[in-house]
Protein backbone atom coordinates (compact mmCIF):
# COMPACT_ATOMS: atom_id res chain seq x y z
CA MET A 1 0.15 0.13 0.14
CA LYS A 2 1.48 3.16 -1.23
CA VAL A 3 0.71 6.19 1.11
CA ALA A 4 0.03 9.50 -0.82
CA ARG A 5 2.56 12.12 0.05
CA GLU A 6 0.02 14.59 1.63
CA ASP A 7 -0.90 11.66 3.90
CA LEU A 8 2.87 10.44 4.96
CA ARG A 9 3.31 13.19 7.22
CA PRO A 10 0.06 12.78 9.32
CA ALA A 11 0.48 9.21 9.42
CA LEU A 12 4.05 9.51 10.93
CA HIS A 13 2.51 12.24 13.23
CA ALA A 14 0.12 9.53 14.60
CA ALA A 15 2.23 6.49 14.28
CA THR A 16 5.20 8.37 16.61
CA GLY A 17 2.23 9.32 19.05
CA LEU A 18 1.65 5.63 19.66
CA VAL A 19 5.10 5.63 21.65
CA ALA A 20 3.21 7.68 24.34
CA LEU A 21 1.32 4.44 25.34
CA GLY A 22 4.83 3.40 26.86
CA LEU A 23 5.11 6.36 29.29
CA GLY A 24 3.57 4.22 31.85
CA VAL A 25 6.11 1.66 31.97
CA LEU A 26 9.25 3.18 30.65
CA PRO A 27 11.98 4.69 33.27
CA ARG A 28 11.63 8.41 33.30
CA TRP A 29 15.45 8.54 31.95
CA LEU A 30 14.69 6.04 29.01
CA ALA A 31 11.73 8.32 28.08
CA LEU A 32 13.79 11.14 28.02
CA ALA A 33 16.66 9.33 26.13
CA GLY A 34 13.61 8.41 23.54
CA ALA A 35 12.52 12.24 23.11
CA ALA A 36 16.52 13.15 22.78
CA PHE A 37 16.67 10.18 20.14
CA GLY A 38 13.48 11.84 18.57
CA ILE A 39 15.14 15.36 18.27
CA PHE A 40 18.03 13.73 16.68
CA VAL A 41 15.98 11.77 14.09
CA GLY A 42 13.91 14.90 13.57
CA TRP A 43 16.92 17.27 13.17
CA VAL A 44 19.55 14.96 11.45
CA GLY A 45 18.12 11.52 10.51
CA PHE A 46 15.42 12.76 8.19
CA ALA A 47 17.92 14.86 6.35
CA TRP A 48 20.57 11.94 5.79
CA THR A 49 17.93 9.52 4.80
CA GLY A 50 16.29 11.49 2.29
CA LEU A 51 12.90 11.10 3.84
CA GLU A 52 12.98 14.92 4.83
CA ALA A 53 12.36 15.38 0.88
CA ARG A 54 9.07 13.62 0.90
CA LEU A 55 7.62 14.78 4.07
CA ARG A 56 8.78 18.53 3.98
CA ARG A 57 5.56 20.55 2.77
CA PRO A 58 6.46 23.02 -0.37
CA GLY A 59 7.97 26.11 0.81
CA GLU A 60 8.24 25.17 4.64
CA PRO A 61 11.15 26.59 6.46
CA TRP A 62 14.10 24.40 7.75
CA LEU A 63 12.89 24.81 11.12
CA GLY A 64 9.31 23.53 10.56
CA GLY A 65 7.12 20.71 11.97
CA LEU A 66 9.84 17.87 11.16
CA ARG A 67 11.85 19.43 13.87
CA THR A 68 9.34 21.36 16.33
CA TYR A 69 7.50 17.63 16.91
CA PRO A 70 10.08 15.98 18.70
CA VAL A 71 10.95 19.22 20.67
CA ALA A 72 7.27 19.45 21.81
CA VAL A 73 7.46 15.92 22.71
CA ALA A 74 10.39 16.04 24.83
CA GLY A 75 8.79 19.24 26.32
CA LEU A 76 6.08 17.27 27.85
CA VAL A 77 7.81 14.44 28.58
CA LEU A 78 10.09 16.73 30.72
CA ALA A 79 7.60 18.91 32.16
CA LEU A 80 4.55 16.64 32.67
CA PRO A 81 3.97 13.20 34.88
CA PRO A 82 3.82 10.27 32.45
CA THR A 83 0.03 10.08 31.99
CA GLU A 84 -0.48 13.72 31.46
CA ALA A 85 2.24 13.59 29.19
CA ALA A 86 0.78 10.85 27.14
CA VAL A 87 -2.42 12.53 27.01
CA ALA A 88 -1.11 15.89 25.62
CA TRP A 89 1.20 13.90 23.15
CA ALA A 90 -1.97 11.86 22.21
CA ILE A 91 -3.92 15.27 21.57
CA PHE A 92 -1.57 16.81 19.20
CA ALA A 93 -0.43 13.67 17.50
CA PHE A 94 -3.46 12.23 16.46
CA GLY A 95 -5.67 15.52 16.85
CA ASP A 96 -3.42 17.49 14.36
CA ALA A 97 -3.27 14.16 12.09
CA ALA A 98 -7.15 14.09 11.93
CA ALA A 99 -7.02 17.67 11.14
CA SER A 100 -4.64 17.40 8.23
CA VAL A 101 -6.75 14.47 6.70
CA VAL A 102 -10.21 15.72 7.50
CA GLY A 103 -9.44 19.22 6.61
CA ARG A 104 -7.85 18.49 3.20
CA ARG A 105 -10.95 16.00 2.34
CA VAL A 106 -14.01 17.04 3.78
CA PRO A 107 -15.28 20.25 2.07
CA ALA A 108 -15.96 23.08 4.87
CA PRO A 109 -15.56 26.83 5.10
CA SER A 110 -12.33 28.39 6.74
CA VAL A 111 -12.29 29.18 10.39
CA LEU A 112 -12.81 32.80 10.88
CA GLY A 113 -10.58 33.41 7.46
CA HIS A 114 -7.75 31.27 8.82
CA ARG A 115 -5.45 30.30 5.75
CA LYS A 116 -5.45 26.79 6.51
CA ALA A 117 -7.91 25.74 9.28
CA THR A 118 -11.33 24.71 8.27
CA TRP A 119 -14.28 23.83 10.30
CA ALA A 120 -14.12 19.97 9.54
CA GLY A 121 -10.41 19.85 10.33
CA SER A 122 -10.48 21.79 13.39
CA THR A 123 -13.52 19.90 14.79
CA ALA A 124 -11.60 16.64 13.89
CA MET A 125 -9.11 17.85 16.14
CA LEU A 126 -11.01 18.71 18.63
CA VAL A 127 -13.06 15.21 18.74
CA VAL A 128 -10.01 12.69 17.87
CA GLY A 129 -7.57 14.70 20.26
CA ALA A 130 -10.09 14.15 23.09
CA ALA A 131 -10.92 10.87 22.42
CA THR A 132 -7.42 9.44 21.92
CA GLY A 133 -6.39 11.77 25.13
CA VAL A 134 -8.85 9.75 27.18
CA ALA A 135 -7.97 6.31 25.87
CA PHE A 136 -4.43 6.91 26.09
CA GLY A 137 -4.62 8.34 29.70
CA ALA A 138 -6.46 5.47 30.75
CA VAL A 139 -3.94 2.95 29.31
CA VAL A 140 -0.95 4.65 30.71
CA ALA A 141 -2.54 5.26 34.20
CA ALA A 142 -3.46 1.30 34.33
CA THR A 143 0.46 0.78 33.38
CA GLY A 144 1.84 2.58 36.30
CA GLY A 145 2.02 6.29 34.85
CA GLY A 146 -0.22 7.80 37.54
CA PRO A 147 -3.73 8.78 37.57
CA ALA A 148 -5.48 9.86 34.48
CA PRO A 149 -6.52 13.43 34.19
CA SER A 150 -10.53 13.66 34.34
CA LEU A 151 -12.52 13.49 31.24
CA ALA A 152 -13.16 17.59 31.49
CA ARG A 153 -9.53 18.13 32.08
CA THR A 154 -8.74 16.13 28.79
CA ALA A 155 -11.31 17.79 26.63
CA LEU A 156 -10.36 21.09 27.59
CA ALA A 157 -6.59 20.24 26.85
CA ALA A 158 -8.00 19.10 23.18
CA LEU A 159 -9.92 22.42 22.98
CA ALA A 160 -6.96 24.57 24.12
CA ALA A 161 -4.93 22.61 21.32
CA THR A 162 -7.45 23.15 18.87
CA LEU A 163 -7.69 26.77 19.56
CA ALA A 164 -4.02 27.17 19.68
CA ASP A 165 -4.04 25.70 15.89
CA LEU A 166 -5.63 28.91 15.05
CA VAL A 167 -2.92 31.17 16.16
CA PRO A 168 -0.29 31.72 13.87
CA VAL A 169 2.81 31.12 16.00
CA PRO A 170 6.10 30.58 13.91
CA PRO A 171 7.79 28.24 13.00
CA ASP A 172 4.84 25.44 13.24
CA ASP A 173 1.95 24.40 15.37
CA ASN A 174 3.28 21.48 17.07
CA LEU A 175 4.67 23.49 19.97
CA PRO A 176 1.49 25.68 20.37
CA HIS A 177 -0.48 22.67 20.61
CA ALA A 178 1.72 20.76 23.04
CA VAL A 179 2.24 23.89 25.16
CA ALA A 180 -1.38 24.73 25.18
CA ALA A 181 -2.43 21.13 26.11
CA GLY A 182 0.31 20.70 28.55
CA LEU A 183 -0.77 23.80 30.33
CA VAL A 184 -4.40 22.93 30.68
CA LEU A 185 -3.08 19.37 31.97
CA ALA A 186 -0.89 20.75 34.42
CA PHE A 187 -2.98 23.53 36.03
CA ALA A 188 -6.75 23.48 35.18
CA PRO A 189 -8.61 22.61 38.37
CA VAL A 190 -11.13 20.26 37.09
């Protein structure tokens, strides 16, 4: 099965998000080492293998999503308890992938004149992000990662990441997604 070029990146985004399921059993040092390895792959490995040419969007700057995604993951793993890090990672990995795929395939108006966000894609990000956040929270909590955030806190984190997607923060949306979801999970009182 050949994956279309425009679907390869969201597929990789979601596939790497599956690693978050291991945060309940991985020792913290190994989770941090894995995040560092992800940074190496994103910053160096893709260029060495030629995969970067297939993954990079036309006109995307060198400091784009391929490099900010692993930095965002490392920040979550470093700053949050394992279950909350897994929830935030799932929200932005699967939510953003869903937004990309649905936003390109389902005709819908743009959100408030945003150049790339559509109502269909943003809705997909919110729903898929919240659903995978809840699921990953339950799995990681059950495997020793600590208590899962409440359904309300997870939904608010998904909403925060979705809203952060609408704010044009350079160089890419990965860092705002992770920061927004992470802050809600860390500090929301619900």
